[in-house]
PDB file of N, CA and C in Angstrom:
ATOM      1  N   MET A   1      67.425 -52.892 -32.455  1.00  0.00           N
ATOM      2  CA  MET A   1      67.497 -52.145 -33.264  1.00  0.00           C
ATOM      3  C   MET A   1      66.461 -50.966 -33.073  1.00  0.00           C
ATOM      4  N   SER A   2      67.989 -49.681 -33.403  1.00  0.00           N
ATOM      5  CA  SER A   2      66.962 -48.234 -33.278  1.00  0.00           C
ATOM      6  C   SER A   2      66.440 -48.171 -34.554  1.00  0.00           C
ATOM      7  N   SER A   3      65.673 -46.956 -35.052  1.00  0.00           N
ATOM      8  CA  SER A   3      64.663 -46.261 -35.844  1.00  0.00           C
ATOM      9  C   SER A   3      65.458 -46.305 -36.631  1.00  0.00           C
ATOM     10  N   ASN A   4      66.482 -45.481 -36.506  1.00  0.00           N
ATOM     11  CA  ASN A   4      67.538 -45.485 -37.718  1.00  0.00           C
ATOM     12  C   ASN A   4      69.176 -46.041 -38.690  1.00  0.00           C
ATOM     13  N   THR A   5      68.589 -47.470 -37.811  1.00  0.00           N
ATOM     14  CA  THR A   5      69.698 -47.844 -38.046  1.00  0.00           C
ATOM     15  C   THR A   5      69.398 -48.323 -39.244  1.00  0.00           C
ATOM     16  N   LYS A   6      70.696 -49.114 -39.905  1.00  0.00           N
ATOM     17  CA  LYS A   6      70.148 -49.700 -41.533  1.00  0.00           C
ATOM     18  C   LYS A   6      70.545 -51.138 -42.151  1.00  0.00           C
ATOM     19  N   LEU A   7      69.538 -51.849 -42.886  1.00  0.00           N
ATOM     20  CA  LEU A   7      69.416 -52.670 -42.842  1.00  0.00           C
ATOM     21  C   LEU A   7      69.367 -53.230 -44.045  1.00  0.00           C
ATOM     22  N   VAL A   8      70.277 -53.989 -44.144  1.00  0.00           N
ATOM     23  CA  VAL A   8      70.160 -55.360 -45.486  1.00  0.00           C
ATOM     24  C   VAL A   8      69.707 -56.244 -45.909  1.00  0.00           C
ATOM     25  N   GLU A   9      69.636 -56.915 -47.309  1.00  0.00           N
ATOM     26  CA  GLU A   9      68.964 -58.181 -47.681  1.00  0.00           C
ATOM     27  C   GLU A   9      70.039 -59.353 -47.005  1.00  0.00           C
ATOM     28  N   VAL A  10      70.631 -59.989 -45.986  1.00  0.00           N
ATOM     29  CA  VAL A  10      71.521 -61.206 -46.084  1.00  0.00           C
ATOM     30  C   VAL A  10      70.865 -62.496 -46.794  1.00  0.00           C
ATOM     31  N   TYR A  11      69.450 -62.617 -46.608  1.00  0.00           N
ATOM     32  CA  TYR A  11      68.547 -63.785 -47.274  1.00  0.00           C
ATOM     33  C   TYR A  11      67.694 -63.314 -47.805  1.00  0.00           C
ATOM     34  N   ARG A  12      67.236 -64.771 -49.036  1.00  0.00           N
ATOM     35  CA  ARG A  12      66.176 -64.150 -49.595  1.00  0.00           C
ATOM     36  C   ARG A  12      65.294 -65.675 -49.609  1.00  0.00           C
ATOM     37  N   ALA A  13      64.344 -65.768 -48.591  1.00  0.00           N
ATOM     38  CA  ALA A  13      63.490 -67.267 -48.517  1.00  0.00           C
ATOM     39  C   ALA A  13      62.478 -67.325 -49.895  1.00  0.00           C
ATOM     40  N   CYS A  14      62.225 -68.861 -49.157  1.00  0.00           N
ATOM     41  CA  CYS A  14      61.328 -68.877 -50.586  1.00  0.00           C
ATOM     42  C   CYS A  14      59.828 -69.168 -49.924  1.00  0.00           C
ATOM     43  N   GLY A  15      59.536 -68.919 -48.689  1.00  0.00           N
ATOM     44  CA  GLY A  15      58.498 -68.541 -48.288  1.00  0.00           C
ATOM     45  C   GLY A  15      58.619 -68.666 -46.485  1.00  0.00           C
ATOM     46  N   GLU A  16      57.655 -67.725 -45.897  1.00  0.00           N
ATOM     47  CA  GLU A  16      57.692 -68.200 -44.219  1.00  0.00           C
ATOM     48  C   GLU A  16      58.216 -68.634 -43.219  1.00  0.00           C
ATOM     49  N   LEU A  17      57.894 -69.922 -43.669  1.00  0.00           N
ATOM     50  CA  LEU A  17      58.357 -70.727 -42.823  1.00  0.00           C
ATOM     51  C   LEU A  17      59.867 -70.938 -42.703  1.00  0.00           C
ATOM     52  N   GLU A  18      60.428 -70.845 -44.064  1.00  0.00           N
ATOM     53  CA  GLU A  18      61.634 -70.775 -44.267  1.00  0.00           C
ATOM     54  C   GLU A  18      62.543 -69.852 -43.725  1.00  0.00           C
ATOM     55  N   ALA A  19      62.061 -68.806 -43.779  1.00  0.00           N
ATOM     56  CA  ALA A  19      62.390 -67.635 -43.540  1.00  0.00           C
ATOM     57  C   ALA A  19      62.392 -67.548 -42.157  1.00  0.00           C
ATOM     58  N   LEU A  20      61.130 -68.063 -41.300  1.00  0.00           N
ATOM     59  CA  LEU A  20      61.229 -67.799 -39.546  1.00  0.00           C
ATOM     60  C   LEU A  20      62.128 -69.047 -39.491  1.00  0.00           C
ATOM     61  N   ALA A  21      62.756 -70.023 -40.047  1.00  0.00           N
ATOM     62  CA  ALA A  21      64.202 -70.870 -38.974  1.00  0.00           C
ATOM     63  C   ALA A  21      65.280 -70.381 -39.592  1.00  0.00           C
ATOM     64  N   VAL A  22      64.922 -69.090 -40.802  1.00  0.00           N
ATOM     65  CA  VAL A  22      65.984 -68.726 -41.115  1.00  0.00           C
ATOM     66  C   VAL A  22      66.396 -67.515 -39.632  1.00  0.00           C
ATOM     67  N   LYS A  23      65.513 -66.942 -39.425  1.00  0.00           N
ATOM     68  CA  LYS A  23      65.113 -65.476 -38.594  1.00  0.00           C
ATOM     69  C   LYS A  23      65.854 -66.394 -36.966  1.00  0.00           C
ATOM     70  N   ALA A  24      65.475 -67.003 -37.184  1.00  0.00           N
ATOM     71  CA  ALA A  24      65.326 -68.265 -35.588  1.00  0.00           C
ATOM     72  C   ALA A  24      66.994 -68.676 -35.377  1.00  0.00           C
ATOM     73  N   LYS A  25      66.790 -68.368 -36.353  1.00  0.00           N
ATOM     74  CA  LYS A  25      68.969 -69.200 -36.476  1.00  0.00           C
ATOM     75  C   LYS A  25      69.952 -67.594 -35.910  1.00  0.00           C
ATOM     76  N   LEU A  26      69.463 -66.567 -36.849  1.00  0.00           N
ATOM     77  CA  LEU A  26      70.315 -65.827 -36.447  1.00  0.00           C
ATOM     78  C   LEU A  26      70.217 -65.063 -35.086  1.00  0.00           C
ATOM     79  N   GLU A  27      68.896 -65.167 -34.479  1.00  0.00           N
ATOM     80  CA  GLU A  27      68.876 -64.484 -33.346  1.00  0.00           C
ATOM     81  C   GLU A  27      69.289 -65.469 -32.255  1.00  0.00           C
ATOM     82  N   SER A  28      69.345 -66.543 -32.281  1.00  0.00           N
ATOM     83  CA  SER A  28      70.053 -67.305 -31.749  1.00  0.00           C
ATOM     84  C   SER A  28      71.303 -67.513 -31.049  1.00  0.00           C
ATOM     85  N   TYR A  29      71.809 -66.987 -32.069  1.00  0.00           N
ATOM     86  CA  TYR A  29      73.635 -66.531 -32.220  1.00  0.00           C
ATOM     87  C   TYR A  29      73.499 -64.478 -32.116  1.00  0.00           C
ATOM     88  N   GLY A  30      72.323 -64.492 -31.550  1.00  0.00           N
ATOM     89  CA  GLY A  30      72.601 -63.074 -31.366  1.00  0.00           C
ATOM     90  C   GLY A  30      72.320 -61.576 -31.838  1.00  0.00           C
ATOM     91  N   ILE A  31      72.166 -62.144 -33.651  1.00  0.00           N
ATOM     92  CA  ILE A  31      72.106 -61.297 -35.061  1.00  0.00           C
ATOM     93  C   ILE A  31      70.540 -61.239 -34.324  1.00  0.00           C
ATOM     94  N   PRO A  32      69.853 -60.146 -34.547  1.00  0.00           N
ATOM     95  CA  PRO A  32      68.604 -58.514 -34.298  1.00  0.00           C
ATOM     96  C   PRO A  32      68.090 -59.173 -36.324  1.00  0.00           C
ATOM     97  N   ALA A  33      67.030 -59.650 -36.481  1.00  0.00           N
ATOM     98  CA  ALA A  33      66.215 -59.842 -37.864  1.00  0.00           C
ATOM     99  C   ALA A  33      65.608 -59.324 -38.522  1.00  0.00           C
ATOM    100  N   VAL A  34      65.008 -59.071 -38.852  1.00  0.00           N
ATOM    101  CA  VAL A  34      63.608 -58.266 -39.638  1.00  0.00           C
ATOM    102  C   VAL A  34      63.063 -59.030 -40.619  1.00  0.00           C
ATOM    103  N   LEU A  35      61.961 -59.821 -41.129  1.00  0.00           N
ATOM    104  CA  LEU A  35      61.211 -60.647 -42.239  1.00  0.00           C
ATOM    105  C   LEU A  35      60.447 -59.042 -43.332  1.00  0.00           C
ATOM    106  N   SER A  36      60.965 -59.275 -44.151  1.00  0.00           N
ATOM    107  CA  SER A  36      60.593 -58.732 -45.623  1.00  0.00           C
ATOM    108  C   SER A  36      59.307 -59.533 -46.817  1.00  0.00           C
ATOM    109  N   SER A  37      57.547 -58.862 -46.869  1.00  0.00           N
ATOM    110  CA  SER A  37      57.338 -59.590 -47.727  1.00  0.00           C
ATOM    111  C   SER A  37      57.036 -58.537 -48.672  1.00  0.00           C
ATOM    112  N   HIS A  38      55.996 -58.859 -49.783  1.00  0.00           N
ATOM    113  CA  HIS A  38      54.938 -57.849 -50.798  1.00  0.00           C
ATOM    114  C   HIS A  38      53.844 -58.739 -51.154  1.00  0.00           C
ATOM    115  N   ALA A  39      53.910 -60.039 -50.725  1.00  0.00           N
ATOM    116  CA  ALA A  39      53.246 -60.450 -50.821  1.00  0.00           C
ATOM    117  C   ALA A  39      52.545 -61.538 -49.034  1.00  0.00           C
ATOM    118  N   ALA A  40      51.531 -61.489 -48.983  1.00  0.00           N
ATOM    119  CA  ALA A  40      50.897 -62.167 -47.669  1.00  0.00           C
ATOM    120  C   ALA A  40      51.104 -63.261 -47.799  1.00  0.00           C
ATOM    121  N   GLY A  41      51.377 -64.492 -47.006  1.00  0.00           N
ATOM    122  CA  GLY A  41      52.153 -65.785 -46.787  1.00  0.00           C
ATOM    123  C   GLY A  41      50.832 -66.613 -46.741  1.00  0.00           C
ATOM    124  N   SER A  42      49.925 -66.084 -46.469  1.00  0.00           N
ATOM    125  CA  SER A  42      48.725 -66.772 -46.423  1.00  0.00           C
ATOM    126  C   SER A  42      48.223 -67.121 -47.853  1.00  0.00           C
ATOM    127  N   VAL A  43      48.678 -66.174 -48.734  1.00  0.00           N
ATOM    128  CA  VAL A  43      48.027 -65.983 -50.496  1.00  0.00           C
ATOM    129  C   VAL A  43      48.811 -66.566 -50.992  1.00  0.00           C
ATOM    130  N   HIS A  44      50.069 -66.101 -51.038  1.00  0.00           N
ATOM    131  CA  HIS A  44      50.938 -67.219 -51.630  1.00  0.00           C
ATOM    132  C   HIS A  44      51.769 -68.165 -50.691  1.00  0.00           C
ATOM    133  N   VAL A  45      51.747 -69.700 -50.851  1.00  0.00           N
ATOM    134  CA  VAL A  45      52.243 -70.479 -50.320  1.00  0.00           C
ATOM    135  C   VAL A  45      53.413 -71.236 -50.163  1.00  0.00           C
ATOM    136  N   PHE A  46      53.616 -70.928 -52.193  1.00  0.00           N
ATOM    137  CA  PHE A  46      54.793 -70.578 -52.472  1.00  0.00           C
ATOM    138  C   PHE A  46      55.624 -70.070 -53.537  1.00  0.00           C
ATOM    139  N   ALA A  47      56.751 -69.547 -53.397  1.00  0.00           N
ATOM    140  CA  ALA A  47      57.112 -68.573 -54.240  1.00  0.00           C
ATOM    141  C   ALA A  47      56.963 -69.287 -55.572  1.00  0.00           C
ATOM    142  N   VAL A  48      56.532 -68.297 -56.515  1.00  0.00           N
ATOM    143  CA  VAL A  48      56.288 -68.015 -58.522  1.00  0.00           C
ATOM    144  C   VAL A  48      56.806 -66.984 -58.535  1.00  0.00           C
ATOM    145  N   ASP A  49      57.285 -66.770 -58.838  1.00  0.00           N
ATOM    146  CA  ASP A  49      57.799 -65.082 -59.915  1.00  0.00           C
ATOM    147  C   ASP A  49      58.129 -64.532 -58.839  1.00  0.00           C
ATOM    148  N   GLY A  50      58.409 -64.938 -57.533  1.00  0.00           N
ATOM    149  CA  GLY A  50      59.022 -64.153 -56.287  1.00  0.00           C
ATOM    150  C   GLY A  50      58.169 -63.957 -55.651  1.00  0.00           C
ATOM    151  N   LEU A  51      56.942 -63.848 -55.900  1.00  0.00           N
ATOM    152  CA  LEU A  51      56.167 -63.343 -54.690  1.00  0.00           C
ATOM    153  C   LEU A  51      55.501 -64.214 -53.902  1.00  0.00           C
ATOM    154  N   GLY A  52      56.347 -64.895 -53.198  1.00  0.00           N
ATOM    155  CA  GLY A  52      56.572 -65.626 -52.258  1.00  0.00           C
ATOM    156  C   GLY A  52      57.221 -65.747 -51.562  1.00  0.00           C
ATOM    157  N   GLU A  53      58.503 -64.756 -52.027  1.00  0.00           N
ATOM    158  CA  GLU A  53      60.397 -65.186 -51.391  1.00  0.00           C
ATOM    159  C   GLU A  53      59.659 -64.237 -50.007  1.00  0.00           C
ATOM    160  N   VAL A  54      60.317 -64.162 -48.840  1.00  0.00           N
ATOM    161  CA  VAL A  54      59.840 -62.971 -47.818  1.00  0.00           C
ATOM    162  C   VAL A  54      62.056 -62.988 -47.622  1.00  0.00           C
ATOM    163  N   ARG A  55      62.519 -61.682 -47.765  1.00  0.00           N
ATOM    164  CA  ARG A  55      63.682 -61.777 -47.148  1.00  0.00           C
ATOM    165  C   ARG A  55      63.891 -61.299 -45.452  1.00  0.00           C
ATOM    166  N   ILE A  56      65.248 -61.721 -46.009  1.00  0.00           N
ATOM    167  CA  ILE A  56      65.463 -61.293 -44.379  1.00  0.00           C
ATOM    168  C   ILE A  56      66.443 -60.286 -44.288  1.00  0.00           C
ATOM    169  N   MET A  57      66.641 -59.213 -42.904  1.00  0.00           N
ATOM    170  CA  MET A  57      67.000 -58.540 -43.014  1.00  0.00           C
ATOM    171  C   MET A  57      68.007 -58.426 -41.762  1.00  0.00           C
ATOM    172  N   VAL A  58      69.092 -57.802 -41.816  1.00  0.00           N
ATOM    173  CA  VAL A  58      70.049 -57.538 -40.132  1.00  0.00           C
ATOM    174  C   VAL A  58      70.678 -56.078 -40.730  1.00  0.00           C
ATOM    175  N   THR A  59      71.345 -56.293 -39.762  1.00  0.00           N
ATOM    176  CA  THR A  59      72.036 -54.116 -39.767  1.00  0.00           C
ATOM    177  C   THR A  59      73.263 -54.893 -40.509  1.00  0.00           C
ATOM    178  N   GLN A  60      74.152 -53.503 -41.311  1.00  0.00           N
ATOM    179  CA  GLN A  60      75.030 -53.429 -41.978  1.00  0.00           C
ATOM    180  C   GLN A  60      75.859 -54.491 -41.108  1.00  0.00           C
ATOM    181  N   GLU A  61      76.348 -54.180 -39.881  1.00  0.00           N
ATOM    182  CA  GLU A  61      76.973 -54.797 -39.225  1.00  0.00           C
ATOM    183  C   GLU A  61      76.967 -55.934 -38.496  1.00  0.00           C
ATOM    184  N   ASP A  62      76.288 -56.633 -38.498  1.00  0.00           N
ATOM    185  CA  ASP A  62      76.154 -57.505 -38.740  1.00  0.00           C
ATOM    186  C   ASP A  62      75.802 -58.823 -39.852  1.00  0.00           C
ATOM    187  N   TYR A  63      75.528 -58.211 -40.939  1.00  0.00           N
ATOM    188  CA  TYR A  63      75.781 -58.749 -42.401  1.00  0.00           C
ATOM    189  C   TYR A  63      76.711 -59.866 -42.676  1.00  0.00           C
ATOM    190  N   HIS A  64      77.881 -59.676 -42.536  1.00  0.00           N
ATOM    191  CA  HIS A  64      78.776 -60.365 -42.989  1.00  0.00           C
ATOM    192  C   HIS A  64      79.250 -62.082 -41.620  1.00  0.00           C
ATOM    193  N   ARG A  65      78.741 -61.719 -40.485  1.00  0.00           N
ATOM    194  CA  ARG A  65      78.184 -62.951 -39.340  1.00  0.00           C
ATOM    195  C   ARG A  65      76.887 -63.371 -39.811  1.00  0.00           C
ATOM    196  N   ALA A  66      76.303 -62.620 -40.063  1.00  0.00           N
ATOM    197  CA  ALA A  66      74.984 -63.450 -40.855  1.00  0.00           C
ATOM    198  C   ALA A  66      75.302 -64.690 -41.610  1.00  0.00           C
ATOM    199  N   ARG A  67      75.376 -63.687 -42.873  1.00  0.00           N
ATOM    200  CA  ARG A  67      76.185 -64.364 -44.496  1.00  0.00           C
ATOM    201  C   ARG A  67      76.353 -65.721 -43.793  1.00  0.00           C
ATOM    202  N   ASP A  68      77.552 -66.038 -42.957  1.00  0.00           N
ATOM    203  CA  ASP A  68      78.171 -66.879 -42.857  1.00  0.00           C
ATOM    204  C   ASP A  68      77.959 -67.839 -42.121  1.00  0.00           C
ATOM    205  N   LEU A  69      76.912 -67.793 -40.906  1.00  0.00           N
ATOM    206  CA  LEU A  69      76.482 -68.226 -40.501  1.00  0.00           C
ATOM    207  C   LEU A  69      74.839 -68.954 -41.429  1.00  0.00           C
ATOM    208  N   ILE A  70      74.402 -68.557 -42.079  1.00  0.00           N
ATOM    209  CA  ILE A  70      73.287 -69.105 -43.245  1.00  0.00           C
ATOM    210  C   ILE A  70      74.276 -70.125 -44.138  1.00  0.00           C
ATOM    211  N   ASP A  71      75.191 -69.444 -44.590  1.00  0.00           N
ATOM    212  CA  ASP A  71      75.951 -70.085 -45.716  1.00  0.00           C
ATOM    213  C   ASP A  71      76.431 -71.293 -44.909  1.00  0.00           C
ATOM    214  N   ALA A  72      76.538 -71.889 -43.966  1.00  0.00           N
ATOM    215  CA  ALA A  72      76.963 -73.126 -43.017  1.00  0.00           C
ATOM    216  C   ALA A  72      75.616 -73.820 -43.357  1.00  0.00           C
ATOM    217  N   GLY A  73      74.574 -73.378 -42.839  1.00  0.00           N
ATOM    218  CA  GLY A  73      73.424 -73.776 -43.007  1.00  0.00           C
ATOM    219  C   GLY A  73      72.530 -74.277 -44.009  1.00  0.00           C
ATOM    220  N   GLU A  74      73.641 -73.751 -45.435  1.00  0.00           N
ATOM    221  CA  GLU A  74      73.252 -74.452 -46.990  1.00  0.00           C
ATOM    222  C   GLU A  74      71.333 -73.945 -46.373  1.00  0.00           C
ATOM    223  N   GLU A  75      70.890 -72.625 -46.220  1.00  0.00           N
ATOM    224  CA  GLU A  75      70.101 -72.750 -46.663  1.00  0.00           C
ATOM    225  C   GLU A  75      70.049 -72.577 -48.286  1.00  0.00           C
ATOM    226  N   GLN A  76      68.785 -73.283 -48.779  1.00  0.00           N
ATOM    227  CA  GLN A  76      68.164 -72.632 -50.680  1.00  0.00           C
ATOM    228  C   GLN A  76      66.977 -72.765 -50.630  1.00  0.00           C
ATOM    229  N   CYS A  77      66.730 -72.290 -52.425  1.00  0.00           N
ATOM    230  CA  CYS A  77      64.862 -72.959 -52.331  1.00  0.00           C
ATOM    231  C   CYS A  77      65.592 -73.748 -52.871  1.00  0.00           C
TER     232      CYS A  77
END
């Protein structure tokens, strides 16, 4: 991804482990993904009012394909 590539949120995971699993799945299909979180995983090991949530970001071009892969796996909190 270049530095000027626009990223969009494709999924919001309940924690870092779930986020890493989703990221790995996307990347195994050739879709680069970035994780974004507002809280340190070591401090908030579970989601409370969104504190432990981790956003999975992909490029706009990859969004629909990534969403289809995630939906096929039925990941959810």
